Amino acid sequence: MKMTKFTHACVRFEQGGHVLVLDPGTFSEVETALRDADAVLITHEHADHLDRPRVLAAMQEQPPLELFAPKTLADQLRAEAPDLSGRIHDVQPNTSFTVAGFGIQSFGGQHALIHPLIPMVANIGYLVEGRVYHPGDSFVVPNGLRPRTVLVPLHAPWSRAGEVIDFVIATGAERAYPIHDALLNETGLAMVEGHVTRIGKTYGTEFRHLDAGESVDL
């Protein structure tokens, strides 16, 4: 399975002639990520994880493309684009299903707390093919989950570096790659990735930086 990182939280998986995309948001190269895609999974409603106009436009242009999202968000999208409603699907937490040939497990789910005055929204993490975990905007590690690969939200208004490190330790993953890093400059990115690399290694997790557009085989 090939994984390509795009800017911020967006990743693209390719396997067996099928393409699955997660979280194509406003900071991401949405059109490139969704090119020839079969399905897109959305963790939550925030714009940095879902660029609604561009994703809905891609669905109009690519009739096979289907979208899966938490129910509240899926309801909003169906109301916004009723002609696409048959291709917009609810995802409930703690379920297993198959999308475009990819086995998916969902875990949920609320978004990490930003501030008590900022409303909470639903957040669903996805385990792809039983081995790659994208948590969305959350550091929750589901009970019993030990993914081979974890995608690590490096920086957010809701996090601090210590929580990032503890998340990596808690997953027990063999390897880790960065997501949610668009708000960091080069200095901040190097600092956070340095901590994750050094401490993750002592717990058996190999962290590797990926540039936007870079791919790895998993």
C-alpha atoms as a PDB file:
ATOM      1  CA  MET A   1       0.000   0.000   0.000  1.00  0.00           C
ATOM      2  CA  LYS A   2       1.373   3.379  -1.051  1.00  0.00           C
ATOM      3  CA  MET A   3       0.759   6.441   1.116  1.00  0.00           C
ATOM      4  CA  THR A   4       1.337  10.009  -0.054  1.00  0.00           C
ATOM      5  CA  LYS A   5       1.374  12.920   2.371  1.00  0.00           C
ATOM      6  CA  PHE A   6      -0.094  16.246   1.343  1.00  0.00           C
ATOM      7  CA  THR A   7       0.093  19.537   3.214  1.00  0.00           C
ATOM      8  CA  HIS A   8      -1.345  19.390   6.730  1.00  0.00           C
ATOM      9  CA  ALA A   9      -3.670  16.482   7.569  1.00  0.00           C
ATOM     10  CA  CYS A  10      -4.367  15.064   4.099  1.00  0.00           C
ATOM     11  CA  VAL A  11      -3.054  11.653   3.048  1.00  0.00           C
ATOM     12  CA  ARG A  12      -3.733   9.486   0.000  1.00  0.00           C
ATOM     13  CA  PHE A  13      -3.608   5.674  -0.078  1.00  0.00           C
ATOM     14  CA  GLU A  14      -3.238   3.609  -3.246  1.00  0.00           C
ATOM     15  CA  GLN A  15      -3.632  -0.152  -3.392  1.00  0.00           C
ATOM     16  CA  GLY A  16      -4.799  -2.653  -5.983  1.00  0.00           C
ATOM     17  CA  GLY A  17      -5.819   0.073  -8.426  1.00  0.00           C
ATOM     18  CA  HIS A  18      -7.965   1.870  -5.836  1.00  0.00           C
ATOM     19  CA  VAL A  19      -7.436   5.281  -4.212  1.00  0.00           C
ATOM     20  CA  LEU A  20      -8.592   6.424  -0.783  1.00  0.00           C
ATOM     21  CA  VAL A  21      -8.042   9.970   0.553  1.00  0.00           C
ATOM     22  CA  LEU A  22      -8.335  11.271   4.117  1.00  0.00           C
ATOM     23  CA  ASP A  23      -8.972  14.863   5.200  1.00  0.00           C
ATOM     24  CA  PRO A  24      -8.398  17.058   2.110  1.00  0.00           C
ATOM     25  CA  GLY A  25      -8.628  20.458   3.814  1.00  0.00           C
ATOM     26  CA  THR A  26      -8.038  24.089   2.960  1.00  0.00           C
ATOM     27  CA  PHE A  27      -4.268  23.884   3.472  1.00  0.00           C
ATOM     28  CA  SER A  28      -3.982  20.808   1.245  1.00  0.00           C
ATOM     29  CA  GLU A  29      -3.528  20.169  -2.465  1.00  0.00           C
ATOM     30  CA  VAL A  30      -7.114  18.980  -2.732  1.00  0.00           C
ATOM     31  CA  GLU A  31      -7.417  18.514  -6.492  1.00  0.00           C
ATOM     32  CA  THR A  32      -4.149  16.573  -6.708  1.00  0.00           C
ATOM     33  CA  ALA A  33      -4.998  14.400  -3.729  1.00  0.00           C
ATOM     34  CA  LEU A  34      -8.459  13.539  -5.104  1.00  0.00           C
ATOM     35  CA  ARG A  35      -7.417  12.886  -8.683  1.00  0.00           C
ATOM     36  CA  ASP A  36      -8.871   9.505  -9.733  1.00  0.00           C
ATOM     37  CA  ALA A  37      -9.877   8.811  -6.122  1.00  0.00           C
ATOM     38  CA  ASP A  38     -12.611   6.298  -5.336  1.00  0.00           C
ATOM     39  CA  ALA A  39     -13.480   7.535  -1.854  1.00  0.00           C
ATOM     40  CA  VAL A  40     -12.662  10.161   0.733  1.00  0.00           C
ATOM     41  CA  LEU A  41     -12.875   9.802   4.517  1.00  0.00           C
ATOM     42  CA  ILE A  42     -13.338  12.884   6.699  1.00  0.00           C
ATOM     43  CA  THR A  43     -12.455  12.871  10.406  1.00  0.00           C
ATOM     44  CA  HIS A  44     -14.383  16.044  11.329  1.00  0.00           C
ATOM     45  CA  GLU A  45     -15.931  19.235  10.023  1.00  0.00           C
ATOM     46  CA  HIS A  46     -13.171  21.820  10.480  1.00  0.00           C
ATOM     47  CA  ALA A  47     -12.032  23.449   7.246  1.00  0.00           C
ATOM     48  CA  ASP A  48      -8.398  22.398   7.596  1.00  0.00           C
ATOM     49  CA  HIS A  49      -9.670  18.803   7.275  1.00  0.00           C
ATOM     50  CA  LEU A  50     -12.433  19.377   4.726  1.00  0.00           C
ATOM     51  CA  ASP A  51     -12.429  22.066   2.066  1.00  0.00           C
ATOM     52  CA  ARG A  52     -16.121  21.788   1.298  1.00  0.00           C
ATOM     53  CA  PRO A  53     -16.289  23.733  -1.993  1.00  0.00           C
ATOM     54  CA  ARG A  54     -13.306  21.962  -3.545  1.00  0.00           C
ATOM     55  CA  VAL A  55     -14.265  18.486  -2.348  1.00  0.00           C
ATOM     56  CA  LEU A  56     -17.878  18.836  -3.465  1.00  0.00           C
ATOM     57  CA  ALA A  57     -16.656  20.165  -6.813  1.00  0.00           C
ATOM     58  CA  ALA A  58     -14.436  17.111  -7.185  1.00  0.00           C
ATOM     59  CA  MET A  59     -17.419  14.879  -6.448  1.00  0.00           C
ATOM     60  CA  GLN A  60     -19.381  16.634  -9.200  1.00  0.00           C
ATOM     61  CA  GLU A  61     -16.536  16.094 -11.652  1.00  0.00           C
ATOM     62  CA  GLN A  62     -15.773  12.500 -10.588  1.00  0.00           C
ATOM     63  CA  PRO A  63     -19.100  10.632 -10.379  1.00  0.00           C
ATOM     64  CA  PRO A  64     -17.647   7.483  -8.745  1.00  0.00           C
ATOM     65  CA  LEU A  65     -16.161   9.480  -5.844  1.00  0.00           C
ATOM     66  CA  GLU A  66     -17.890   8.780  -2.513  1.00  0.00           C
ATOM     67  CA  LEU A  67     -17.516  10.596   0.810  1.00  0.00           C
ATOM     68  CA  PHE A  68     -17.714   9.194   4.345  1.00  0.00           C
ATOM     69  CA  ALA A  69     -17.974  11.429   7.412  1.00  0.00           C
ATOM     70  CA  PRO A  70     -19.415  11.675  10.938  1.00  0.00           C
ATOM     71  CA  LYS A  71     -23.214  11.819  10.759  1.00  0.00           C
ATOM     72  CA  THR A  72     -23.618  15.477  11.735  1.00  0.00           C
ATOM     73  CA  LEU A  73     -21.202  16.530   9.012  1.00  0.00           C
ATOM     74  CA  ALA A  74     -22.681  14.124   6.464  1.00  0.00           C
ATOM     75  CA  ASP A  75     -26.123  15.611   7.128  1.00  0.00           C
ATOM     76  CA  GLN A  76     -24.753  19.117   6.510  1.00  0.00           C
ATOM     77  CA  LEU A  77     -23.126  18.076   3.245  1.00  0.00           C
ATOM     78  CA  ARG A  78     -26.258  16.315   1.977  1.00  0.00           C
ATOM     79  CA  ALA A  79     -28.255  19.478   2.667  1.00  0.00           C
ATOM     80  CA  GLU A  80     -25.618  21.579   0.919  1.00  0.00           C
ATOM     81  CA  ALA A  81     -25.351  19.313  -2.127  1.00  0.00           C
ATOM     82  CA  PRO A  82     -28.603  17.289  -2.399  1.00  0.00           C
ATOM     83  CA  ASP A  83     -27.672  15.977  -5.829  1.00  0.00           C
ATOM     84  CA  LEU A  84     -24.694  14.212  -4.218  1.00  0.00           C
ATOM     85  CA  SER A  85     -26.598  12.849  -1.237  1.00  0.00           C
ATOM     86  CA  GLY A  86     -26.517   9.269  -2.513  1.00  0.00           C
ATOM     87  CA  ARG A  87     -22.709   9.349  -2.386  1.00  0.00           C
ATOM     88  CA  ILE A  88     -22.350  10.950   1.051  1.00  0.00           C
ATOM     89  CA  HIS A  89     -22.375   8.379   3.836  1.00  0.00           C
ATOM     90  CA  ASP A  90     -22.563   8.445   7.642  1.00  0.00           C
ATOM     91  CA  VAL A  91     -19.770   6.898   9.685  1.00  0.00           C
ATOM     92  CA  GLN A  92     -20.525   5.742  13.184  1.00  0.00           C
ATOM     93  CA  PRO A  93     -17.682   5.252  15.675  1.00  0.00           C
ATOM     94  CA  ASN A  94     -16.458   1.774  16.547  1.00  0.00           C
ATOM     95  CA  THR A  95     -17.513   0.111  13.316  1.00  0.00           C
ATOM     96  CA  SER A  96     -15.770  -1.843  10.552  1.00  0.00           C
ATOM     97  CA  PHE A  97     -16.522  -1.470   6.865  1.00  0.00           C
ATOM     98  CA  THR A  98     -14.907  -1.626   3.426  1.00  0.00           C
ATOM     99  CA  VAL A  99     -14.406   1.413   1.213  1.00  0.00           C
ATOM    100  CA  ALA A 100     -13.014   1.092  -2.314  1.00  0.00           C
ATOM    101  CA  GLY A 101     -11.340  -2.169  -1.392  1.00  0.00           C
ATOM    102  CA  PHE A 102      -9.767  -0.775   1.794  1.00  0.00           C
ATOM    103  CA  GLY A 103     -10.691  -2.269   5.151  1.00  0.00           C
ATOM    104  CA  ILE A 104     -11.591   0.522   7.593  1.00  0.00           C
ATOM    105  CA  GLN A 105     -12.184   0.637  11.334  1.00  0.00           C
ATOM    106  CA  SER A 106     -13.625   3.786  12.887  1.00  0.00           C
ATOM    107  CA  PHE A 107     -13.016   5.134  16.375  1.00  0.00           C
ATOM    108  CA  GLY A 108     -14.724   8.063  18.025  1.00  0.00           C
ATOM    109  CA  GLY A 109     -15.281  10.359  19.095  1.00  0.00           C
ATOM    110  CA  GLN A 110     -15.008  14.014  19.829  1.00  0.00           C
ATOM    111  CA  HIS A 111     -12.492  16.637  18.812  1.00  0.00           C
ATOM    112  CA  ALA A 112      -9.833  17.561  21.356  1.00  0.00           C
ATOM    113  CA  LEU A 113     -10.718  20.543  23.535  1.00  0.00           C
ATOM    114  CA  ILE A 114      -9.502  23.874  22.130  1.00  0.00           C
ATOM    115  CA  HIS A 115     -11.198  26.130  24.687  1.00  0.00           C
ATOM    116  CA  PRO A 116     -14.389  25.842  26.778  1.00  0.00           C
ATOM    117  CA  LEU A 117     -15.904  28.696  24.745  1.00  0.00           C
ATOM    118  CA  ILE A 118     -15.297  26.897  21.437  1.00  0.00           C
ATOM    119  CA  PRO A 119     -17.972  24.250  20.701  1.00  0.00           C
ATOM    120  CA  MET A 120     -16.900  20.624  20.539  1.00  0.00           C
ATOM    121  CA  VAL A 121     -17.490  18.693  17.323  1.00  0.00           C
ATOM    122  CA  ALA A 122     -17.537  15.019  16.471  1.00  0.00           C
ATOM    123  CA  ASN A 123     -14.217  13.477  15.445  1.00  0.00           C
ATOM    124  CA  ILE A 124     -13.653   9.997  14.066  1.00  0.00           C
ATOM    125  CA  GLY A 125     -10.258   8.339  13.779  1.00  0.00           C
ATOM    126  CA  TYR A 126      -9.698   5.781  11.036  1.00  0.00           C
ATOM    127  CA  LEU A 127      -7.577   2.640  10.945  1.00  0.00           C
ATOM    128  CA  VAL A 128      -6.784   1.773   7.324  1.00  0.00           C
ATOM    129  CA  GLU A 129      -6.167  -1.864   6.401  1.00  0.00           C
ATOM    130  CA  GLY A 130      -5.622  -2.720  10.051  1.00  0.00           C
ATOM    131  CA  ARG A 131      -2.261  -0.986  10.155  1.00  0.00           C
ATOM    132  CA  VAL A 132      -2.338   2.807   9.607  1.00  0.00           C
ATOM    133  CA  TYR A 133      -4.083   5.024  12.165  1.00  0.00           C
ATOM    134  CA  HIS A 134      -5.192   8.585  11.374  1.00  0.00           C
ATOM    135  CA  PRO A 135      -6.616  10.056  14.606  1.00  0.00           C
ATOM    136  CA  GLY A 136      -8.001  13.288  13.182  1.00  0.00           C
ATOM    137  CA  ASP A 137      -7.879  15.994  15.850  1.00  0.00           C
ATOM    138  CA  SER A 138      -7.550  13.786  18.881  1.00  0.00           C
ATOM    139  CA  PHE A 139      -4.856  12.071  20.909  1.00  0.00           C
ATOM    140  CA  VAL A 140      -7.154   9.267  22.026  1.00  0.00           C
ATOM    141  CA  VAL A 141      -5.668   5.814  21.478  1.00  0.00           C
ATOM    142  CA  PRO A 142      -8.523   3.278  21.330  1.00  0.00           C
ATOM    143  CA  ASN A 143      -8.291   0.470  23.852  1.00  0.00           C
ATOM    144  CA  GLY A 144      -6.348  -2.446  22.424  1.00  0.00           C
ATOM    145  CA  LEU A 145      -5.274  -0.626  19.257  1.00  0.00           C
ATOM    146  CA  ARG A 146      -1.627  -1.166  18.338  1.00  0.00           C
ATOM    147  CA  PRO A 147      -1.215   0.078  14.776  1.00  0.00           C
ATOM    148  CA  ARG A 148       1.961  -0.632  12.866  1.00  0.00           C
ATOM    149  CA  THR A 149       1.922   2.950  11.584  1.00  0.00           C
ATOM    150  CA  VAL A 150       0.541   6.073  13.237  1.00  0.00           C
ATOM    151  CA  LEU A 151       0.022   9.501  11.683  1.00  0.00           C
ATOM    152  CA  VAL A 152       0.982  12.069  14.304  1.00  0.00           C
ATOM    153  CA  PRO A 153      -0.709  15.495  14.644  1.00  0.00           C
ATOM    154  CA  LEU A 154       2.449  17.498  15.338  1.00  0.00           C
ATOM    155  CA  HIS A 155       0.908  20.860  16.156  1.00  0.00           C
ATOM    156  CA  ALA A 156      -2.523  22.380  16.735  1.00  0.00           C
ATOM    157  CA  PRO A 157      -4.330  25.061  18.753  1.00  0.00           C
ATOM    158  CA  TRP A 158      -5.493  22.195  20.995  1.00  0.00           C
ATOM    159  CA  SER A 159      -2.136  20.546  21.704  1.00  0.00           C
ATOM    160  CA  ARG A 160       1.305  20.905  23.233  1.00  0.00           C
ATOM    161  CA  ALA A 161       4.531  19.053  22.466  1.00  0.00           C
ATOM    162  CA  GLY A 162       4.337  16.826  25.535  1.00  0.00           C
ATOM    163  CA  GLU A 163       0.936  15.516  24.463  1.00  0.00           C
ATOM    164  CA  VAL A 164       2.269  14.772  20.975  1.00  0.00           C
ATOM    165  CA  ILE A 165       5.086  12.706  22.460  1.00  0.00           C
ATOM    166  CA  ASP A 166       2.777  10.878  24.876  1.00  0.00           C
ATOM    167  CA  PHE A 167       0.431  10.034  21.992  1.00  0.00           C
ATOM    168  CA  VAL A 168       3.278   8.425  20.044  1.00  0.00           C
ATOM    169  CA  ILE A 169       4.359   6.437  23.106  1.00  0.00           C
ATOM    170  CA  ALA A 170       0.792   5.323  23.837  1.00  0.00           C
ATOM    171  CA  THR A 171       0.181   3.948  20.333  1.00  0.00           C
ATOM    172  CA  GLY A 172       3.180   1.624  20.509  1.00  0.00           C
ATOM    173  CA  ALA A 173       3.473   1.900  16.726  1.00  0.00           C
ATOM    174  CA  GLU A 174       6.507   0.632  14.837  1.00  0.00           C
ATOM    175  CA  ARG A 175       6.701   3.793  12.771  1.00  0.00           C
ATOM    176  CA  ALA A 176       5.228   7.268  12.701  1.00  0.00           C
ATOM    177  CA  TYR A 177       4.790   9.984  10.095  1.00  0.00           C
ATOM    178  CA  PRO A 178       3.739  13.628  10.533  1.00  0.00           C
ATOM    179  CA  ILE A 179       0.386  15.221   9.834  1.00  0.00           C
ATOM    180  CA  HIS A 180      -1.260  18.452  11.035  1.00  0.00           C
ATOM    181  CA  ASP A 181       1.898  20.513  10.623  1.00  0.00           C
ATOM    182  CA  ALA A 182       0.906  23.410   8.329  1.00  0.00           C
ATOM    183  CA  LEU A 183       1.007  26.028  11.097  1.00  0.00           C
ATOM    184  CA  LEU A 184       4.623  25.287  12.034  1.00  0.00           C
ATOM    185  CA  ASN A 185       7.547  27.150  10.486  1.00  0.00           C
ATOM    186  CA  GLU A 186      10.793  25.304   9.776  1.00  0.00           C
ATOM    187  CA  THR A 187      12.221  26.056  13.227  1.00  0.00           C
ATOM    188  CA  GLY A 188       9.154  24.828  15.091  1.00  0.00           C
ATOM    189  CA  LEU A 189       8.817  21.759  12.882  1.00  0.00           C
ATOM    190  CA  ALA A 190      12.432  20.763  13.471  1.00  0.00           C
ATOM    191  CA  MET A 191      12.028  21.174  17.226  1.00  0.00           C
ATOM    192  CA  VAL A 192       8.853  19.088  17.552  1.00  0.00           C
ATOM    193  CA  GLU A 193      10.016  16.405  15.139  1.00  0.00           C
ATOM    194  CA  GLY A 194      13.329  16.239  16.974  1.00  0.00           C
ATOM    195  CA  HIS A 195      11.574  15.479  20.265  1.00  0.00           C
ATOM    196  CA  VAL A 196       9.285  12.892  18.670  1.00  0.00           C
ATOM    197  CA  THR A 197      12.186  11.224  16.858  1.00  0.00           C
ATOM    198  CA  ARG A 198      14.440  11.012  19.909  1.00  0.00           C
ATOM    199  CA  ILE A 199      11.872   9.948  22.503  1.00  0.00           C
ATOM    200  CA  GLY A 200       9.852   7.790  20.135  1.00  0.00           C
ATOM    201  CA  LYS A 201      12.977   5.775  19.358  1.00  0.00           C
ATOM    202  CA  THR A 202      13.492   4.898  23.021  1.00  0.00           C
ATOM    203  CA  TYR A 203       9.988   3.359  23.006  1.00  0.00           C
ATOM    204  CA  GLY A 204      10.475   1.480  19.742  1.00  0.00           C
ATOM    205  CA  THR A 205       8.794   3.904  17.322  1.00  0.00           C
ATOM    206  CA  GLU A 206      10.698   5.106  14.276  1.00  0.00           C
ATOM    207  CA  PHE A 207       9.588   8.601  13.251  1.00  0.00           C
ATOM    208  CA  ARG A 208      10.255   9.833   9.723  1.00  0.00           C
ATOM    209  CA  HIS A 209       9.587  13.270   8.297  1.00  0.00           C
ATOM    210  CA  LEU A 210       7.635  13.474   5.033  1.00  0.00           C
ATOM    211  CA  ASP A 211       7.419  16.513   2.790  1.00  0.00           C
ATOM    212  CA  ALA A 212       4.167  17.354   1.047  1.00  0.00           C
ATOM    213  CA  GLY A 213       3.938  15.142  -2.027  1.00  0.00           C
ATOM    214  CA  GLU A 214       6.330  12.526  -0.655  1.00  0.00           C
ATOM    215  CA  SER A 215       5.248   8.876  -0.703  1.00  0.00           C
ATOM    216  CA  VAL A 216       6.116   5.749   1.264  1.00  0.00           C
ATOM    217  CA  ASP A 217       5.235   2.077   0.868  1.00  0.00           C
ATOM    218  CA  LEU A 218       3.533   0.555   3.882  1.00  0.00           C
END
